[in-house]
Amino acid sequence: MNGYIEKESRYVSIAKELAQRISQGEFPVGSLLPTEMALCEHYQASRHTIRDALRELSDIGLVSRKKRIGTRVESTAETTINSGQSLASLEDLVELARHHVRVVKDIQQIVADQALADLIGCSLGSHWLKIESIRENSEQPDAPICITQSYVTASYHKIGELIKADPFALISDLIEQQYGRRSVEVRQTITAVAIDAHSADILNAPTGSPALRIVRQYMDRLGKVLETTISLHPAERYTCSITLKRINKENC
């Protein structure tokens, strides 16, 4: 079983429940769903989560959304909502982190050599805090979902203790809480690689077996990198769902 699809995202479960409530007639065609704030309170969820749930309903044609009007029910037809793990938004990454505990293996201060500078786009000789950790699968503790090297500027020295205190939070969220810098964009690069001996030992996977390496750069509003992570996922333990949509050129 793939670690990232064992538990569906919170917004997916909310979307499914809303779709069921619509199909059962609680919200007939032409009526408006409760406001975002009312849904946040009802489901005890963030506004981002509710918006993602409503986006799912809109994508499958159950509702339409208009500013200053609300979310209008357009259909009661039963339909399927994808329960696979999507990584199309920052909220998806947050949900993923909430469901898989982080176990820190090592924290050290390093100086960037040429290989690291080329990989994460930093300056040669710059100083970094390197955090090596795994994300555990609760149902298969001997088969970690991934091993990750996270790099943050050495000036964020408190992050090491913060991540030990909160094994589920994204490091980028902890940076925002402690240092006030918020990530608004994540740039991902996915590459097929072979697992090296060091990672194989930690992941309990064969050396040289296939994996996906995901390099993520967490950016602030000014386009500055807050954190770079390099995650290695054994092929049989990882599923990434991405939705591609056609651009309506008339609205460009």
C-alpha atoms as a PDB file:
ATOM      1  CA  MET A   1       0.000   0.000   0.000  1.00  0.00           C
ATOM      2  CA  ASN A   2       1.322   3.435  -0.909  1.00  0.00           C
ATOM      3  CA  GLY A   3       1.944   5.566   2.171  1.00  0.00           C
ATOM      4  CA  TYR A   4       0.486   8.768   0.732  1.00  0.00           C
ATOM      5  CA  ILE A   5      -2.947   7.318  -0.014  1.00  0.00           C
ATOM      6  CA  GLU A   6      -3.650   5.454   3.209  1.00  0.00           C
ATOM      7  CA  LYS A   7      -5.515   8.443   4.635  1.00  0.00           C
ATOM      8  CA  GLU A   8      -7.324  10.815   2.334  1.00  0.00           C
ATOM      9  CA  SER A   9      -6.837  14.567   2.617  1.00  0.00           C
ATOM     10  CA  ARG A  10      -9.155  16.421   4.962  1.00  0.00           C
ATOM     11  CA  TYR A  11     -10.603  18.518   2.144  1.00  0.00           C
ATOM     12  CA  VAL A  12     -11.426  15.359   0.161  1.00  0.00           C
ATOM     13  CA  SER A  13     -13.386  13.856   3.061  1.00  0.00           C
ATOM     14  CA  ILE A  14     -15.266  17.153   3.515  1.00  0.00           C
ATOM     15  CA  ALA A  15     -16.006  17.318  -0.220  1.00  0.00           C
ATOM     16  CA  LYS A  16     -17.354  13.759  -0.114  1.00  0.00           C
ATOM     17  CA  GLU A  17     -19.636  14.539   2.815  1.00  0.00           C
ATOM     18  CA  LEU A  18     -20.936  17.702   1.168  1.00  0.00           C
ATOM     19  CA  ALA A  19     -21.543  15.790  -2.078  1.00  0.00           C
ATOM     20  CA  GLN A  20     -23.511  13.196  -0.105  1.00  0.00           C
ATOM     21  CA  ARG A  21     -25.551  15.885   1.623  1.00  0.00           C
ATOM     22  CA  ILE A  22     -26.323  17.400  -1.777  1.00  0.00           C
ATOM     23  CA  SER A  23     -27.343  14.041  -3.314  1.00  0.00           C
ATOM     24  CA  GLN A  24     -29.618  13.348  -0.324  1.00  0.00           C
ATOM     25  CA  GLY A  25     -31.477  16.590  -0.932  1.00  0.00           C
ATOM     26  CA  GLU A  26     -30.283  18.576   2.072  1.00  0.00           C
ATOM     27  CA  PHE A  27     -29.074  21.220  -0.398  1.00  0.00           C
ATOM     28  CA  PRO A  28     -31.372  21.166  -3.474  1.00  0.00           C
ATOM     29  CA  VAL A  29     -30.426  22.463  -6.909  1.00  0.00           C
ATOM     30  CA  GLY A  30     -30.491  26.254  -6.931  1.00  0.00           C
ATOM     31  CA  SER A  31     -29.857  26.629  -3.213  1.00  0.00           C
ATOM     32  CA  LEU A  32     -26.717  28.062  -1.660  1.00  0.00           C
ATOM     33  CA  LEU A  33     -24.357  26.079   0.530  1.00  0.00           C
ATOM     34  CA  PRO A  34     -23.485  27.565   3.929  1.00  0.00           C
ATOM     35  CA  THR A  35     -20.829  30.277   3.840  1.00  0.00           C
ATOM     36  CA  GLU A  36     -17.152  29.389   4.030  1.00  0.00           C
ATOM     37  CA  MET A  37     -17.000  30.595   7.622  1.00  0.00           C
ATOM     38  CA  ALA A  38     -20.029  28.501   8.584  1.00  0.00           C
ATOM     39  CA  LEU A  39     -18.455  25.437   6.964  1.00  0.00           C
ATOM     40  CA  CYS A  40     -15.161  26.142   8.761  1.00  0.00           C
ATOM     41  CA  GLU A  41     -17.009  26.133  12.068  1.00  0.00           C
ATOM     42  CA  HIS A  42     -19.111  23.066  11.244  1.00  0.00           C
ATOM     43  CA  TYR A  43     -16.157  20.938  10.123  1.00  0.00           C
ATOM     44  CA  GLN A  44     -13.588  22.527  12.448  1.00  0.00           C
ATOM     45  CA  ALA A  45     -11.353  23.106   9.423  1.00  0.00           C
ATOM     46  CA  SER A  46      -9.270  25.959   8.052  1.00  0.00           C
ATOM     47  CA  ARG A  47     -10.564  28.264   5.339  1.00  0.00           C
ATOM     48  CA  HIS A  48      -7.971  26.858   2.923  1.00  0.00           C
ATOM     49  CA  THR A  49      -9.309  23.341   3.534  1.00  0.00           C
ATOM     50  CA  ILE A  50     -12.921  24.408   2.956  1.00  0.00           C
ATOM     51  CA  ARG A  51     -11.988  26.265  -0.231  1.00  0.00           C
ATOM     52  CA  ASP A  52     -10.200  23.184  -1.546  1.00  0.00           C
ATOM     53  CA  ALA A  53     -13.267  21.063  -0.746  1.00  0.00           C
ATOM     54  CA  LEU A  54     -15.553  23.491  -2.576  1.00  0.00           C
ATOM     55  CA  ARG A  55     -13.105  23.541  -5.491  1.00  0.00           C
ATOM     56  CA  GLU A  56     -13.462  19.765  -5.739  1.00  0.00           C
ATOM     57  CA  LEU A  57     -17.246  20.078  -5.884  1.00  0.00           C
ATOM     58  CA  SER A  58     -16.969  22.812  -8.506  1.00  0.00           C
ATOM     59  CA  ASP A  59     -14.564  20.755 -10.624  1.00  0.00           C
ATOM     60  CA  ILE A  60     -17.047  17.878 -10.863  1.00  0.00           C
ATOM     61  CA  GLY A  61     -19.992  20.178 -11.627  1.00  0.00           C
ATOM     62  CA  LEU A  62     -21.969  19.867  -8.405  1.00  0.00           C
ATOM     63  CA  VAL A  63     -21.677  23.549  -7.532  1.00  0.00           C
ATOM     64  CA  SER A  64     -20.728  26.906  -9.014  1.00  0.00           C
ATOM     65  CA  ARG A  65     -19.042  29.703  -7.114  1.00  0.00           C
ATOM     66  CA  LYS A  66     -19.471  33.425  -7.614  1.00  0.00           C
ATOM     67  CA  LYS A  67     -17.975  36.273  -5.658  1.00  0.00           C
ATOM     68  CA  ARG A  68     -20.444  38.095  -3.383  1.00  0.00           C
ATOM     69  CA  ILE A  69     -23.097  35.464  -4.146  1.00  0.00           C
ATOM     70  CA  GLY A  70     -21.755  32.243  -2.704  1.00  0.00           C
ATOM     71  CA  THR A  71     -21.670  28.578  -3.659  1.00  0.00           C
ATOM     72  CA  ARG A  72     -24.737  27.517  -5.628  1.00  0.00           C
ATOM     73  CA  VAL A  73     -25.795  23.888  -6.043  1.00  0.00           C
ATOM     74  CA  GLU A  74     -25.988  23.024  -9.756  1.00  0.00           C
ATOM     75  CA  SER A  75     -26.564  19.267  -9.705  1.00  0.00           C
ATOM     76  CA  THR A  76     -27.445  16.406  -7.367  1.00  0.00           C
ATOM     77  CA  ALA A  77     -25.991  13.675  -9.585  1.00  0.00           C
ATOM     78  CA  GLU A  78     -23.855  11.130  -7.773  1.00  0.00           C
ATOM     79  CA  THR A  79     -20.213  11.331  -8.784  1.00  0.00           C
ATOM     80  CA  THR A  80     -16.821  10.089  -7.638  1.00  0.00           C
ATOM     81  CA  ILE A  81     -14.372  12.316  -5.810  1.00  0.00           C
ATOM     82  CA  ASN A  82     -10.756  11.240  -6.058  1.00  0.00           C
ATOM     83  CA  SER A  83      -9.379  10.055  -2.703  1.00  0.00           C
ATOM     84  CA  GLY A  84      -5.775   9.763  -3.853  1.00  0.00           C
ATOM     85  CA  GLN A  85      -3.128  12.099  -2.424  1.00  0.00           C
ATOM     86  CA  SER A  86      -2.845  15.268  -4.453  1.00  0.00           C
ATOM     87  CA  LEU A  87       0.204  17.482  -4.177  1.00  0.00           C
ATOM     88  CA  ALA A  88      -1.175  20.406  -6.136  1.00  0.00           C
ATOM     89  CA  SER A  89      -1.306  22.931  -3.312  1.00  0.00           C
ATOM     90  CA  LEU A  90       0.450  23.928  -0.094  1.00  0.00           C
ATOM     91  CA  GLU A  91      -2.589  22.671   1.794  1.00  0.00           C
ATOM     92  CA  ASP A  92      -1.974  19.196   0.333  1.00  0.00           C
ATOM     93  CA  LEU A  93       1.546  19.207   1.775  1.00  0.00           C
ATOM     94  CA  VAL A  94       0.204  20.263   5.159  1.00  0.00           C
ATOM     95  CA  GLU A  95      -2.362  17.450   5.110  1.00  0.00           C
ATOM     96  CA  LEU A  96       0.302  14.941   4.094  1.00  0.00           C
ATOM     97  CA  ALA A  97       2.531  16.013   6.988  1.00  0.00           C
ATOM     98  CA  ARG A  98      -0.321  15.716   9.487  1.00  0.00           C
ATOM     99  CA  HIS A  99      -0.787  12.048   8.648  1.00  0.00           C
ATOM    100  CA  HIS A 100       2.836  10.884   8.733  1.00  0.00           C
ATOM    101  CA  VAL A 101       5.078  11.457  11.716  1.00  0.00           C
ATOM    102  CA  ARG A 102       8.542  12.893  11.137  1.00  0.00           C
ATOM    103  CA  VAL A 103      11.438  11.141  12.886  1.00  0.00           C
ATOM    104  CA  VAL A 104      14.600  13.243  13.024  1.00  0.00           C
ATOM    105  CA  LYS A 105      17.775  11.267  12.346  1.00  0.00           C
ATOM    106  CA  ASP A 106      20.412  13.993  12.383  1.00  0.00           C
ATOM    107  CA  ILE A 107      20.818  17.770  12.641  1.00  0.00           C
ATOM    108  CA  GLN A 108      24.072  19.522  11.822  1.00  0.00           C
ATOM    109  CA  GLN A 109      25.448  22.829  10.594  1.00  0.00           C
ATOM    110  CA  ILE A 110      27.227  22.558   7.261  1.00  0.00           C
ATOM    111  CA  VAL A 111      29.012  24.691   4.694  1.00  0.00           C
ATOM    112  CA  ALA A 112      27.728  24.324   1.131  1.00  0.00           C
ATOM    113  CA  ASP A 113      30.114  22.576  -1.232  1.00  0.00           C
ATOM    114  CA  GLN A 114      29.797  22.755  -5.001  1.00  0.00           C
ATOM    115  CA  ALA A 115      27.501  19.721  -5.220  1.00  0.00           C
ATOM    116  CA  LEU A 116      25.013  21.176  -2.737  1.00  0.00           C
ATOM    117  CA  ALA A 117      25.237  24.627  -4.311  1.00  0.00           C
ATOM    118  CA  ASP A 118      24.356  23.126  -7.705  1.00  0.00           C
ATOM    119  CA  LEU A 119      21.523  21.016  -6.274  1.00  0.00           C
ATOM    120  CA  ILE A 120      19.667  23.634  -4.231  1.00  0.00           C
ATOM    121  CA  GLY A 121      20.891  26.802  -5.928  1.00  0.00           C
ATOM    122  CA  CYS A 122      22.709  28.300  -2.955  1.00  0.00           C
ATOM    123  CA  SER A 123      26.037  30.127  -2.790  1.00  0.00           C
ATOM    124  CA  LEU A 124      29.244  28.149  -2.491  1.00  0.00           C
ATOM    125  CA  GLY A 125      30.497  28.390   1.098  1.00  0.00           C
ATOM    126  CA  SER A 126      27.152  29.520   2.557  1.00  0.00           C
ATOM    127  CA  HIS A 127      26.144  28.162   5.964  1.00  0.00           C
ATOM    128  CA  TRP A 128      23.125  25.906   6.439  1.00  0.00           C
ATOM    129  CA  LEU A 129      21.302  23.849   9.014  1.00  0.00           C
ATOM    130  CA  LYS A 130      20.871  20.361   7.562  1.00  0.00           C
ATOM    131  CA  ILE A 131      18.050  18.262   9.021  1.00  0.00           C
ATOM    132  CA  GLU A 132      17.819  14.616   8.022  1.00  0.00           C
ATOM    133  CA  SER A 133      14.533  12.893   8.834  1.00  0.00           C
ATOM    134  CA  ILE A 134      12.120  10.215   7.705  1.00  0.00           C
ATOM    135  CA  ARG A 135       8.340  10.154   7.440  1.00  0.00           C
ATOM    136  CA  GLU A 136       6.966   6.993   8.999  1.00  0.00           C
ATOM    137  CA  ASN A 137       4.053   4.882   7.822  1.00  0.00           C
ATOM    138  CA  SER A 138       2.130   3.881  10.970  1.00  0.00           C
ATOM    139  CA  GLU A 139       0.970   0.630   9.375  1.00  0.00           C
ATOM    140  CA  GLN A 140       4.458  -0.298   8.133  1.00  0.00           C
ATOM    141  CA  PRO A 141       6.972   1.212  10.576  1.00  0.00           C
ATOM    142  CA  ASP A 142       9.831  -0.767   9.038  1.00  0.00           C
ATOM    143  CA  ALA A 143       9.199   0.815   5.627  1.00  0.00           C
ATOM    144  CA  PRO A 144       9.529   4.629   5.892  1.00  0.00           C
ATOM    145  CA  ILE A 145       7.726   6.602   3.193  1.00  0.00           C
ATOM    146  CA  CYS A 146      10.733   8.792   2.500  1.00  0.00           C
ATOM    147  CA  ILE A 147      14.009  10.178   3.754  1.00  0.00           C
ATOM    148  CA  THR A 148      14.400  13.946   3.583  1.00  0.00           C
ATOM    149  CA  GLN A 149      17.300  16.352   3.875  1.00  0.00           C
ATOM    150  CA  SER A 150      15.973  19.805   4.744  1.00  0.00           C
ATOM    151  CA  TYR A 151      18.184  22.874   4.401  1.00  0.00           C
ATOM    152  CA  VAL A 152      17.433  26.162   6.165  1.00  0.00           C
ATOM    153  CA  THR A 153      19.744  29.090   6.742  1.00  0.00           C
ATOM    154  CA  ALA A 154      21.984  28.600   9.787  1.00  0.00           C
ATOM    155  CA  SER A 155      20.502  31.739  11.368  1.00  0.00           C
ATOM    156  CA  TYR A 156      17.285  29.740  11.971  1.00  0.00           C
ATOM    157  CA  HIS A 157      19.061  27.829  14.746  1.00  0.00           C
ATOM    158  CA  LYS A 158      15.881  27.368  16.832  1.00  0.00           C
ATOM    159  CA  ILE A 159      14.244  25.213  14.152  1.00  0.00           C
ATOM    160  CA  GLY A 160      16.106  22.113  15.317  1.00  0.00           C
ATOM    161  CA  GLU A 161      14.339  22.116  18.690  1.00  0.00           C
ATOM    162  CA  LEU A 162      10.988  23.155  17.214  1.00  0.00           C
ATOM    163  CA  ILE A 163      10.798  20.214  14.816  1.00  0.00           C
ATOM    164  CA  LYS A 164      11.536  17.794  17.635  1.00  0.00           C
ATOM    165  CA  ALA A 165       8.675  19.310  19.635  1.00  0.00           C
ATOM    166  CA  ASP A 166       6.220  19.037  16.703  1.00  0.00           C
ATOM    167  CA  PRO A 167       6.871  15.911  14.599  1.00  0.00           C
ATOM    168  CA  PHE A 168       3.969  16.573  12.218  1.00  0.00           C
ATOM    169  CA  ALA A 169       4.328  20.256  11.260  1.00  0.00           C
ATOM    170  CA  LEU A 170       5.992  21.374   8.065  1.00  0.00           C
ATOM    171  CA  ILE A 171       9.331  23.052   8.735  1.00  0.00           C
ATOM    172  CA  SER A 172       8.203  25.977   6.585  1.00  0.00           C
ATOM    173  CA  ASP A 173       5.246  26.503   8.941  1.00  0.00           C
ATOM    174  CA  LEU A 174       7.582  26.473  11.941  1.00  0.00           C
ATOM    175  CA  ILE A 175       9.765  29.086  10.219  1.00  0.00           C
ATOM    176  CA  GLU A 176       6.689  31.280   9.797  1.00  0.00           C
ATOM    177  CA  GLN A 177       5.676  30.857  13.447  1.00  0.00           C
ATOM    178  CA  GLN A 178       9.162  31.562  14.827  1.00  0.00           C
ATOM    179  CA  TYR A 179      10.635  34.017  12.329  1.00  0.00           C
ATOM    180  CA  GLY A 180       7.589  35.538  10.608  1.00  0.00           C
ATOM    181  CA  ARG A 181       8.519  34.534   7.043  1.00  0.00           C
ATOM    182  CA  ARG A 182       5.680  32.824   5.208  1.00  0.00           C
ATOM    183  CA  SER A 183       5.998  30.484   2.241  1.00  0.00           C
ATOM    184  CA  VAL A 184       3.386  31.157  -0.442  1.00  0.00           C
ATOM    185  CA  GLU A 185       4.781  28.976  -3.224  1.00  0.00           C
ATOM    186  CA  VAL A 186       6.570  25.640  -3.505  1.00  0.00           C
ATOM    187  CA  ARG A 187       8.592  24.767  -6.589  1.00  0.00           C
ATOM    188  CA  GLN A 188       8.961  21.032  -7.117  1.00  0.00           C
ATOM    189  CA  THR A 189      11.388  19.104  -9.304  1.00  0.00           C
ATOM    190  CA  ILE A 190      10.845  15.350  -9.554  1.00  0.00           C
ATOM    191  CA  THR A 191      13.589  13.063 -10.836  1.00  0.00           C
ATOM    192  CA  ALA A 192      13.868   9.275 -11.127  1.00  0.00           C
ATOM    193  CA  VAL A 193      16.996   8.045  -9.320  1.00  0.00           C
ATOM    194  CA  ALA A 194      18.558   4.958  -7.783  1.00  0.00           C
ATOM    195  CA  ILE A 195      18.679   4.732  -3.969  1.00  0.00           C
ATOM    196  CA  ASP A 196      22.175   5.285  -2.580  1.00  0.00           C
ATOM    197  CA  ALA A 197      23.651   3.040   0.126  1.00  0.00           C
ATOM    198  CA  HIS A 198      23.172   5.549   2.974  1.00  0.00           C
ATOM    199  CA  SER A 199      19.495   6.139   2.175  1.00  0.00           C
ATOM    200  CA  ALA A 200      18.877   2.440   1.493  1.00  0.00           C
ATOM    201  CA  ASP A 201      19.989   1.546   5.005  1.00  0.00           C
ATOM    202  CA  ILE A 202      17.621   4.070   6.604  1.00  0.00           C
ATOM    203  CA  LEU A 203      14.712   3.292   4.275  1.00  0.00           C
ATOM    204  CA  ASN A 204      15.179  -0.465   4.595  1.00  0.00           C
ATOM    205  CA  ALA A 205      15.244  -0.686   0.805  1.00  0.00           C
ATOM    206  CA  PRO A 206      17.704  -2.343  -1.622  1.00  0.00           C
ATOM    207  CA  THR A 207      20.654  -0.209  -2.676  1.00  0.00           C
ATOM    208  CA  GLY A 208      20.235   0.800  -6.306  1.00  0.00           C
ATOM    209  CA  SER A 209      16.472   0.217  -6.348  1.00  0.00           C
ATOM    210  CA  PRO A 210      14.314   2.857  -8.094  1.00  0.00           C
ATOM    211  CA  ALA A 211      13.044   5.940  -6.284  1.00  0.00           C
ATOM    212  CA  LEU A 212      11.730   9.407  -6.928  1.00  0.00           C
ATOM    213  CA  ARG A 213      13.765  12.360  -5.719  1.00  0.00           C
ATOM    214  CA  ILE A 214      11.678  15.460  -5.068  1.00  0.00           C
ATOM    215  CA  VAL A 215      13.435  18.781  -4.566  1.00  0.00           C
ATOM    216  CA  ARG A 216      11.108  21.399  -3.089  1.00  0.00           C
ATOM    217  CA  GLN A 217      11.921  25.073  -2.677  1.00  0.00           C
ATOM    218  CA  TYR A 218       9.645  26.987  -0.334  1.00  0.00           C
ATOM    219  CA  MET A 219       9.395  30.613  -1.492  1.00  0.00           C
ATOM    220  CA  ASP A 220       8.157  33.759   0.237  1.00  0.00           C
ATOM    221  CA  ARG A 221       6.218  36.593  -1.427  1.00  0.00           C
ATOM    222  CA  LEU A 222       9.450  38.190  -2.625  1.00  0.00           C
ATOM    223  CA  GLY A 223      10.604  34.996  -4.310  1.00  0.00           C
ATOM    224  CA  LYS A 224      13.241  34.283  -1.667  1.00  0.00           C
ATOM    225  CA  VAL A 225      13.874  30.668  -0.653  1.00  0.00           C
ATOM    226  CA  LEU A 226      12.972  29.914   2.981  1.00  0.00           C
ATOM    227  CA  GLU A 227      13.763  26.224   2.889  1.00  0.00           C
ATOM    228  CA  THR A 228      14.871  23.569   0.431  1.00  0.00           C
ATOM    229  CA  THR A 229      14.046  19.894   0.941  1.00  0.00           C
ATOM    230  CA  ILE A 230      15.368  16.874  -0.912  1.00  0.00           C
ATOM    231  CA  SER A 231      13.156  13.827  -0.400  1.00  0.00           C
ATOM    232  CA  LEU A 232      13.848  10.316  -1.629  1.00  0.00           C
ATOM    233  CA  HIS A 233      10.801   8.059  -2.021  1.00  0.00           C
ATOM    234  CA  PRO A 234      11.110   4.327  -2.795  1.00  0.00           C
ATOM    235  CA  ALA A 235       9.044   3.747  -5.906  1.00  0.00           C
ATOM    236  CA  GLU A 236       6.606   1.228  -4.419  1.00  0.00           C
ATOM    237  CA  ARG A 237       5.804   3.482  -1.418  1.00  0.00           C
ATOM    238  CA  TYR A 238       4.853   6.676  -3.218  1.00  0.00           C
ATOM    239  CA  THR A 239       1.931   7.946  -5.271  1.00  0.00           C
ATOM    240  CA  CYS A 240       1.621  11.538  -6.480  1.00  0.00           C
ATOM    241  CA  SER A 241      -1.646  12.745  -8.020  1.00  0.00           C
ATOM    242  CA  ILE A 242      -1.548  15.917 -10.130  1.00  0.00           C
ATOM    243  CA  THR A 243      -4.498  17.429 -11.996  1.00  0.00           C
ATOM    244  CA  LEU A 244      -3.845  19.244 -15.282  1.00  0.00           C
ATOM    245  CA  LYS A 245      -6.492  21.577 -16.653  1.00  0.00           C
ATOM    246  CA  ARG A 246      -6.901  23.180 -20.057  1.00  0.00           C
ATOM    247  CA  ILE A 247      -6.536  26.965 -20.007  1.00  0.00           C
ATOM    248  CA  ASN A 248      -9.566  28.848 -21.309  1.00  0.00           C
ATOM    249  CA  LYS A 249      -7.877  31.288 -23.694  1.00  0.00           C
ATOM    250  CA  GLU A 250     -10.984  33.442 -23.851  1.00  0.00           C
ATOM    251  CA  ASN A 251     -10.411  34.365 -20.193  1.00  0.00           C
ATOM    252  CA  CYS A 252      -6.667  35.066 -20.591  1.00  0.00           C
END
